[in-house]
């Protein structure tokens, strides 16, 4: 399967984490949504994200390798990589609170990681994985 996925991530305490070239970032406790894409085998990409021990390649790898984080839910939608930015904009409009430049170094989006209290609106636009 290919498409766009959204990871709903819980950060159970405020953490400071070095995120690749972005440097040291502080993440307050709460829920985050991360938008990514996989044009082949989305299941493997998502499974990789859930592992704590892995090579650190994408911004999200740095965050999810922290013991204070956990993937709570996963949503997906079929579509080309260009749809990734559409989903990020949907979250920006409905939840706000972007983490600047996180996960969006290959596009013009403000971010692909968002902090918010509620991401239930995603159920209207995406399916659970």
Protein backbone atom coordinates (compact mmCIF):
# COMPACT_ATOMS: atom_id res chain seq x y z
CA UNK A 1 0.00 0.00 0.00
CA UNK A 2 1.17 3.56 -0.69
CA UNK A 3 -0.05 6.92 0.46
CA UNK A 4 -0.01 9.50 3.21
CA UNK A 5 0.01 8.67 6.91
CA UNK A 6 -0.48 10.65 10.08
CA UNK A 7 1.04 9.46 13.34
CA UNK A 8 -0.67 10.64 16.52
CA UNK A 9 2.14 10.81 19.06
CA UNK A 10 2.00 11.23 22.81
CA UNK A 11 4.88 12.98 24.57
CA UNK A 12 4.39 12.08 28.24
CA UNK A 13 6.71 14.78 29.65
CA UNK A 14 8.38 17.92 28.37
CA UNK A 15 11.57 16.90 26.56
CA UNK A 16 14.46 18.57 24.78
CA UNK A 17 15.70 16.61 21.81
CA UNK A 18 18.26 17.23 19.10
CA UNK A 19 16.40 16.95 15.79
CA UNK A 20 19.02 16.59 13.05
CA UNK A 21 19.88 19.90 11.37
CA UNK A 22 17.02 21.65 13.24
CA UNK A 23 19.09 21.45 16.41
CA UNK A 24 17.82 21.24 19.97
CA UNK A 25 14.02 21.57 20.22
CA UNK A 26 11.72 21.50 23.23
CA UNK A 27 8.51 19.47 23.02
CA UNK A 28 5.93 20.09 25.71
CA UNK A 29 3.96 17.16 27.05
CA UNK A 30 0.86 16.36 25.01
CA UNK A 31 -0.24 15.07 21.64
CA UNK A 32 1.31 15.72 18.25
CA UNK A 33 0.38 14.75 14.71
CA UNK A 34 3.12 14.00 12.19
CA UNK A 35 2.38 13.81 8.46
CA UNK A 36 4.52 11.58 6.24
CA UNK A 37 4.28 9.64 3.01
CA UNK A 38 5.39 6.30 1.65
CA UNK A 39 5.07 5.57 -2.04
CA UNK A 40 5.71 1.88 -1.43
CA UNK A 41 4.90 -0.30 1.58
CA UNK A 42 3.42 2.23 4.01
CA UNK A 43 3.08 -0.52 6.62
CA UNK A 44 6.87 -0.98 6.78
CA UNK A 45 7.49 2.77 7.06
CA UNK A 46 5.04 3.09 9.94
CA UNK A 47 6.46 0.01 11.67
CA UNK A 48 9.95 1.54 11.37
CA UNK A 49 8.75 4.76 12.98
CA UNK A 50 7.46 2.81 15.98
CA UNK A 51 10.85 1.23 16.74
CA UNK A 52 12.96 3.02 19.33
CA UNK A 53 16.26 1.61 17.99
CA UNK A 54 16.87 2.61 14.37
CA UNK A 55 19.20 4.72 12.26
CA UNK A 56 18.19 8.38 12.65
CA UNK A 57 17.36 9.66 9.19
CA UNK A 58 14.15 11.74 9.20
CA UNK A 59 13.26 14.45 11.75
CA UNK A 60 10.55 12.18 13.16
CA UNK A 61 13.15 9.45 13.87
CA UNK A 62 14.89 11.73 16.37
CA UNK A 63 11.66 12.50 18.20
CA UNK A 64 10.30 8.95 18.25
CA UNK A 65 13.58 7.47 19.50
CA UNK A 66 12.99 9.29 22.79
CA UNK A 67 11.57 7.04 25.54
CA UNK A 68 9.03 9.73 26.48
CA UNK A 69 7.22 9.35 23.13
CA UNK A 70 4.72 6.79 21.91
CA UNK A 71 2.64 6.44 18.73
CA UNK A 72 -1.00 6.28 19.89
CA UNK A 73 -2.83 6.11 16.57
CA UNK A 74 -2.16 6.01 12.85
CA UNK A 75 -4.31 7.37 10.01
CA UNK A 76 -3.74 7.02 6.29
CA UNK A 77 -5.12 7.98 2.92
CA UNK A 78 -4.20 6.72 -0.52
CA UNK A 79 -2.55 9.19 -2.84
CA UNK A 80 0.65 10.58 -4.32
CA UNK A 81 3.36 12.31 -2.29
CA UNK A 82 1.92 15.71 -3.27
CA UNK A 83 -1.08 14.95 -1.09
CA UNK A 84 1.20 14.97 1.97
CA UNK A 85 1.22 18.78 1.96
CA UNK A 86 -2.58 18.89 1.58
CA UNK A 87 -2.94 16.77 4.72
CA UNK A 88 -0.42 18.97 6.58
CA UNK A 89 -2.46 22.04 5.62
CA UNK A 90 -5.66 20.33 6.79
CA UNK A 91 -4.09 19.78 10.21
CA UNK A 92 -2.72 23.34 10.28
CA UNK A 93 -6.20 24.75 9.60
CA UNK A 94 -7.96 22.49 12.13
CA UNK A 95 -5.41 22.12 14.92
CA UNK A 96 -2.77 24.79 14.38
CA UNK A 97 0.36 24.84 16.52
CA UNK A 98 3.00 23.79 13.96
CA UNK A 99 6.54 22.95 15.03
CA UNK A 100 8.38 25.15 12.48
CA UNK A 101 10.31 23.35 9.69
CA UNK A 102 9.82 19.90 11.27
CA UNK A 103 9.54 17.27 8.54
CA UNK A 104 9.05 19.83 5.79
CA UNK A 105 12.58 20.38 4.48
CA UNK A 106 11.60 19.06 1.03
CA UNK A 107 8.50 21.26 0.53
CA UNK A 108 7.14 24.74 1.25
CA UNK A 109 4.96 23.76 4.22
CA UNK A 110 5.40 25.48 7.58
CA UNK A 111 5.65 22.07 9.21
CA UNK A 112 4.60 18.44 9.10
CA UNK A 113 4.43 18.16 12.92
CA UNK A 114 1.64 19.81 14.92
CA UNK A 115 0.83 20.08 18.61
CA UNK A 116 -2.85 20.04 19.62
CA UNK A 117 -5.29 18.68 22.17
CA UNK A 118 -7.55 16.93 19.67
CA UNK A 119 -7.01 15.33 16.29
CA UNK A 120 -10.43 13.64 16.06
CA UNK A 121 -11.26 15.61 12.89
CA UNK A 122 -8.84 13.31 11.03
CA UNK A 123 -11.40 10.49 11.24
CA UNK A 124 -13.57 12.44 8.76
CA UNK A 125 -10.75 12.63 6.21
CA UNK A 126 -8.62 9.52 6.71
CA UNK A 127 -8.83 5.87 7.71
CA UNK A 128 -7.18 4.13 10.66
CA UNK A 129 -4.19 1.98 9.72
